[in-house]
Amino acid sequence: MRIVLYRNVQVHGAIGKTFPGWLVMDVKQLKQLTQIFEQQRLEVLSSISRLEQEARAQVEDGPQDLGDLSVSTLSKEFLFQQLTASRNRLGKLETALQRVRKGDFGQCLNCGSDIGMKRLKAVPWAEYCRDCQEALELGQPTPLRNTAD
């Protein structure tokens, strides 16, 4: 079973390093990551609200001719793409927050190994370790999680 340490660790030099089955993280690091998630979540929610308002405003304007219709359609498609990307990011952030609350944050969903602190700092909502993410992006088979735990 995977356990994330939420307290100060007494092992000299252990903070931020990974050990089999453990991601050693002190309270300060956990709070820092949680704050990053919450801040980014608020920013994404604000962005979604703004994009939805823009989309509604475009519907109200109504195009006048074929040129306007073409520009309006292209603009709507772009807004919907931005909305989709923002909603996907929001989902990833909310999933990461749930994983922090559950205590399995920092563990690869595919192979079960630890996701390194450097990766978590760069991509806080990372669900896969670097190796599994690369394999998934290249369409290659990845090692499966050991379900014997």
C-alpha atoms as a PDB file:
ATOM      1  CA  MET A   1       0.000   0.000   0.000  1.00  0.00           C
ATOM      2  CA  ARG A   2       1.197   3.496  -0.871  1.00  0.00           C
ATOM      3  CA  ILE A   3       1.508   6.026   1.916  1.00  0.00           C
ATOM      4  CA  VAL A   4       2.397   9.685   1.598  1.00  0.00           C
ATOM      5  CA  LEU A   5       4.104  11.184   4.607  1.00  0.00           C
ATOM      6  CA  TYR A   6       2.408  14.394   5.750  1.00  0.00           C
ATOM      7  CA  ARG A   7       4.699  15.148   8.647  1.00  0.00           C
ATOM      8  CA  ASN A   8       8.300  16.181   9.152  1.00  0.00           C
ATOM      9  CA  VAL A   9      10.555  13.219   8.581  1.00  0.00           C
ATOM     10  CA  GLN A  10      13.330  12.436  11.026  1.00  0.00           C
ATOM     11  CA  VAL A  11      15.578  10.708   8.462  1.00  0.00           C
ATOM     12  CA  HIS A  12      18.425  13.095   7.637  1.00  0.00           C
ATOM     13  CA  GLY A  13      18.286  14.114   3.972  1.00  0.00           C
ATOM     14  CA  ALA A  14      15.122  12.154   3.223  1.00  0.00           C
ATOM     15  CA  ILE A  15      12.774  15.049   2.380  1.00  0.00           C
ATOM     16  CA  GLY A  16      11.937  15.178  -1.324  1.00  0.00           C
ATOM     17  CA  LYS A  17      13.476  11.784  -2.094  1.00  0.00           C
ATOM     18  CA  THR A  18      11.575   8.673  -3.004  1.00  0.00           C
ATOM     19  CA  PHE A  19      11.874   5.259  -1.404  1.00  0.00           C
ATOM     20  CA  PRO A  20      10.100   2.096  -2.555  1.00  0.00           C
ATOM     21  CA  GLY A  21       6.428   2.557  -1.635  1.00  0.00           C
ATOM     22  CA  TRP A  22       6.982   6.011  -0.083  1.00  0.00           C
ATOM     23  CA  LEU A  23       7.097   9.561  -1.333  1.00  0.00           C
ATOM     24  CA  VAL A  24       8.751  11.486   1.465  1.00  0.00           C
ATOM     25  CA  MET A  25       7.094  14.875   1.701  1.00  0.00           C
ATOM     26  CA  ASP A  26       6.969  17.202   4.651  1.00  0.00           C
ATOM     27  CA  VAL A  27       3.980  19.325   5.631  1.00  0.00           C
ATOM     28  CA  LYS A  28       5.449  22.428   3.972  1.00  0.00           C
ATOM     29  CA  GLN A  29       5.882  20.666   0.616  1.00  0.00           C
ATOM     30  CA  LEU A  30       2.385  19.195   0.753  1.00  0.00           C
ATOM     31  CA  LYS A  31       0.863  22.589   1.591  1.00  0.00           C
ATOM     32  CA  GLN A  32       2.867  24.184  -1.211  1.00  0.00           C
ATOM     33  CA  LEU A  33       1.581  21.695  -3.783  1.00  0.00           C
ATOM     34  CA  THR A  34      -1.979  21.985  -2.451  1.00  0.00           C
ATOM     35  CA  GLN A  35      -1.787  25.785  -2.714  1.00  0.00           C
ATOM     36  CA  ILE A  36      -0.530  25.475  -6.295  1.00  0.00           C
ATOM     37  CA  PHE A  37      -3.496  23.213  -7.105  1.00  0.00           C
ATOM     38  CA  GLU A  38      -6.006  25.534  -5.430  1.00  0.00           C
ATOM     39  CA  GLN A  39      -4.582  28.668  -7.084  1.00  0.00           C
ATOM     40  CA  GLN A  40      -4.530  27.063 -10.515  1.00  0.00           C
ATOM     41  CA  ARG A  41      -8.040  25.706  -9.932  1.00  0.00           C
ATOM     42  CA  LEU A  42      -9.327  29.214  -9.200  1.00  0.00           C
ATOM     43  CA  GLU A  43      -7.551  30.592 -12.270  1.00  0.00           C
ATOM     44  CA  VAL A  44      -9.061  27.891 -14.490  1.00  0.00           C
ATOM     45  CA  LEU A  45     -12.550  28.467 -13.041  1.00  0.00           C
ATOM     46  CA  SER A  46     -12.178  32.185 -13.771  1.00  0.00           C
ATOM     47  CA  SER A  47     -11.007  31.427 -17.303  1.00  0.00           C
ATOM     48  CA  ILE A  48     -13.951  29.076 -17.884  1.00  0.00           C
ATOM     49  CA  SER A  49     -16.390  31.719 -16.675  1.00  0.00           C
ATOM     50  CA  ARG A  50     -14.846  34.344 -18.965  1.00  0.00           C
ATOM     51  CA  LEU A  51     -14.876  32.003 -21.979  1.00  0.00           C
ATOM     52  CA  GLU A  52     -18.509  31.045 -21.360  1.00  0.00           C
ATOM     53  CA  GLN A  53     -19.454  34.730 -21.222  1.00  0.00           C
ATOM     54  CA  GLU A  54     -17.625  35.356 -24.506  1.00  0.00           C
ATOM     55  CA  ALA A  55     -19.414  32.411 -26.125  1.00  0.00           C
ATOM     56  CA  ARG A  56     -22.808  33.695 -24.969  1.00  0.00           C
ATOM     57  CA  ALA A  57     -22.003  37.188 -26.246  1.00  0.00           C
ATOM     58  CA  GLN A  58     -21.173  35.789 -29.685  1.00  0.00           C
ATOM     59  CA  VAL A  59     -24.492  33.963 -29.868  1.00  0.00           C
ATOM     60  CA  GLU A  60     -26.329  37.213 -29.133  1.00  0.00           C
ATOM     61  CA  ASP A  61     -24.489  39.225 -31.819  1.00  0.00           C
ATOM     62  CA  GLY A  62     -25.663  37.118 -34.757  1.00  0.00           C
ATOM     63  CA  PRO A  63     -23.692  37.362 -38.006  1.00  0.00           C
ATOM     64  CA  GLN A  64     -24.863  39.611 -40.857  1.00  0.00           C
ATOM     65  CA  ASP A  65     -23.403  37.956 -43.975  1.00  0.00           C
ATOM     66  CA  LEU A  66     -21.332  34.922 -45.044  1.00  0.00           C
ATOM     67  CA  GLY A  67     -18.043  36.612 -44.115  1.00  0.00           C
ATOM     68  CA  ASP A  68     -19.346  37.414 -40.632  1.00  0.00           C
ATOM     69  CA  LEU A  69     -20.745  33.894 -40.331  1.00  0.00           C
ATOM     70  CA  SER A  70     -17.354  32.395 -41.228  1.00  0.00           C
ATOM     71  CA  VAL A  71     -15.487  34.548 -38.706  1.00  0.00           C
ATOM     72  CA  SER A  72     -18.123  33.881 -36.046  1.00  0.00           C
ATOM     73  CA  THR A  73     -17.970  30.109 -36.603  1.00  0.00           C
ATOM     74  CA  LEU A  74     -14.176  30.084 -36.414  1.00  0.00           C
ATOM     75  CA  SER A  75     -14.241  32.191 -33.264  1.00  0.00           C
ATOM     76  CA  LYS A  76     -16.824  29.907 -31.627  1.00  0.00           C
ATOM     77  CA  GLU A  77     -14.776  26.820 -32.461  1.00  0.00           C
ATOM     78  CA  PHE A  78     -11.702  28.426 -30.922  1.00  0.00           C
ATOM     79  CA  LEU A  79     -13.649  29.348 -27.775  1.00  0.00           C
ATOM     80  CA  PHE A  80     -15.006  25.810 -27.449  1.00  0.00           C
ATOM     81  CA  GLN A  81     -11.493  24.383 -27.824  1.00  0.00           C
ATOM     82  CA  GLN A  82     -10.282  26.704 -25.066  1.00  0.00           C
ATOM     83  CA  LEU A  83     -13.246  25.731 -22.883  1.00  0.00           C
ATOM     84  CA  THR A  84     -12.559  22.043 -23.422  1.00  0.00           C
ATOM     85  CA  ALA A  85      -8.870  22.449 -22.577  1.00  0.00           C
ATOM     86  CA  SER A  86      -9.728  24.482 -19.460  1.00  0.00           C
ATOM     87  CA  ARG A  87     -12.295  21.939 -18.288  1.00  0.00           C
ATOM     88  CA  ASN A  88      -9.784  19.114 -18.828  1.00  0.00           C
ATOM     89  CA  ARG A  89      -7.186  20.991 -16.791  1.00  0.00           C
ATOM     90  CA  LEU A  90      -9.752  21.669 -14.066  1.00  0.00           C
ATOM     91  CA  GLY A  91     -10.548  17.957 -13.930  1.00  0.00           C
ATOM     92  CA  LYS A  92      -6.849  17.104 -13.592  1.00  0.00           C
ATOM     93  CA  LEU A  93      -6.411  19.632 -10.787  1.00  0.00           C
ATOM     94  CA  GLU A  94      -9.466  18.349  -8.921  1.00  0.00           C
ATOM     95  CA  THR A  95      -8.271  14.754  -9.334  1.00  0.00           C
ATOM     96  CA  ALA A  96      -4.855  15.743  -7.953  1.00  0.00           C
ATOM     97  CA  LEU A  97      -6.505  17.395  -4.940  1.00  0.00           C
ATOM     98  CA  GLN A  98      -8.553  14.238  -4.335  1.00  0.00           C
ATOM     99  CA  ARG A  99      -5.392  12.132  -4.526  1.00  0.00           C
ATOM    100  CA  VAL A 100      -3.734  14.402  -1.944  1.00  0.00           C
ATOM    101  CA  ARG A 101      -6.739  13.976   0.368  1.00  0.00           C
ATOM    102  CA  LYS A 102      -6.786  10.187  -0.158  1.00  0.00           C
ATOM    103  CA  GLY A 103      -3.068   9.902   0.484  1.00  0.00           C
ATOM    104  CA  ASP A 104      -2.019   8.322  -2.815  1.00  0.00           C
ATOM    105  CA  PHE A 105      -0.704  11.474  -4.450  1.00  0.00           C
ATOM    106  CA  GLY A 106       2.659  11.015  -6.156  1.00  0.00           C
ATOM    107  CA  GLN A 107       2.106   7.417  -7.241  1.00  0.00           C
ATOM    108  CA  CYS A 108       1.954   6.432 -10.929  1.00  0.00           C
ATOM    109  CA  LEU A 109      -1.545   5.249 -11.847  1.00  0.00           C
ATOM    110  CA  ASN A 110      -0.094   2.804 -14.356  1.00  0.00           C
ATOM    111  CA  CYS A 111       2.893   1.047 -12.797  1.00  0.00           C
ATOM    112  CA  GLY A 112       2.530   2.120  -9.155  1.00  0.00           C
ATOM    113  CA  SER A 113       6.036   3.554  -8.863  1.00  0.00           C
ATOM    114  CA  ASP A 114       6.748   6.929  -7.315  1.00  0.00           C
ATOM    115  CA  ILE A 115       6.487  10.064  -9.425  1.00  0.00           C
ATOM    116  CA  GLY A 116       9.617  12.097  -8.727  1.00  0.00           C
ATOM    117  CA  MET A 117       9.444  15.454  -6.936  1.00  0.00           C
ATOM    118  CA  LYS A 118      10.995  17.247  -9.925  1.00  0.00           C
ATOM    119  CA  ARG A 119       8.155  15.995 -12.118  1.00  0.00           C
ATOM    120  CA  LEU A 120       5.511  16.855  -9.526  1.00  0.00           C
ATOM    121  CA  LYS A 121       6.878  20.380  -9.228  1.00  0.00           C
ATOM    122  CA  ALA A 122       6.885  20.787 -13.019  1.00  0.00           C
ATOM    123  CA  VAL A 123       3.506  19.078 -13.565  1.00  0.00           C
ATOM    124  CA  PRO A 124       1.742  19.011 -10.191  1.00  0.00           C
ATOM    125  CA  TRP A 125      -1.234  17.032 -11.508  1.00  0.00           C
ATOM    126  CA  ALA A 126       0.973  14.340 -13.067  1.00  0.00           C
ATOM    127  CA  GLU A 127      -0.732  10.951 -12.888  1.00  0.00           C
ATOM    128  CA  TYR A 128       2.083   8.920 -14.429  1.00  0.00           C
ATOM    129  CA  CYS A 129       5.796   8.588 -13.834  1.00  0.00           C
ATOM    130  CA  ARG A 130       8.061   9.928 -16.566  1.00  0.00           C
ATOM    131  CA  ASP A 131       8.658   6.505 -18.150  1.00  0.00           C
ATOM    132  CA  CYS A 132       4.957   5.557 -18.306  1.00  0.00           C
ATOM    133  CA  GLN A 133       4.000   9.019 -19.616  1.00  0.00           C
ATOM    134  CA  GLU A 134       6.585   8.797 -22.394  1.00  0.00           C
ATOM    135  CA  ALA A 135       5.429   5.287 -23.318  1.00  0.00           C
ATOM    136  CA  LEU A 136       1.778   6.385 -23.365  1.00  0.00           C
ATOM    137  CA  GLU A 137       2.585   9.367 -25.586  1.00  0.00           C
ATOM    138  CA  LEU A 138       4.504   7.137 -28.000  1.00  0.00           C
ATOM    139  CA  GLY A 139       1.761   4.490 -27.967  1.00  0.00           C
ATOM    140  CA  GLN A 140       4.105   1.886 -26.539  1.00  0.00           C
ATOM    141  CA  PRO A 141       3.124  -0.763 -23.988  1.00  0.00           C
ATOM    142  CA  THR A 142       3.808   0.190 -20.391  1.00  0.00           C
ATOM    143  CA  PRO A 143       4.391  -1.942 -17.307  1.00  0.00           C
ATOM    144  CA  LEU A 144       1.202  -2.642 -15.410  1.00  0.00           C
ATOM    145  CA  ARG A 145       0.625  -1.980 -11.751  1.00  0.00           C
ATOM    146  CA  ASN A 146       1.494  -4.781  -9.381  1.00  0.00           C
ATOM    147  CA  THR A 147      -1.914  -5.720  -7.967  1.00  0.00           C
ATOM    148  CA  ALA A 148      -0.473  -8.072  -5.351  1.00  0.00           C
ATOM    149  CA  ASP A 149      -0.165  -5.200  -2.817  1.00  0.00           C
END
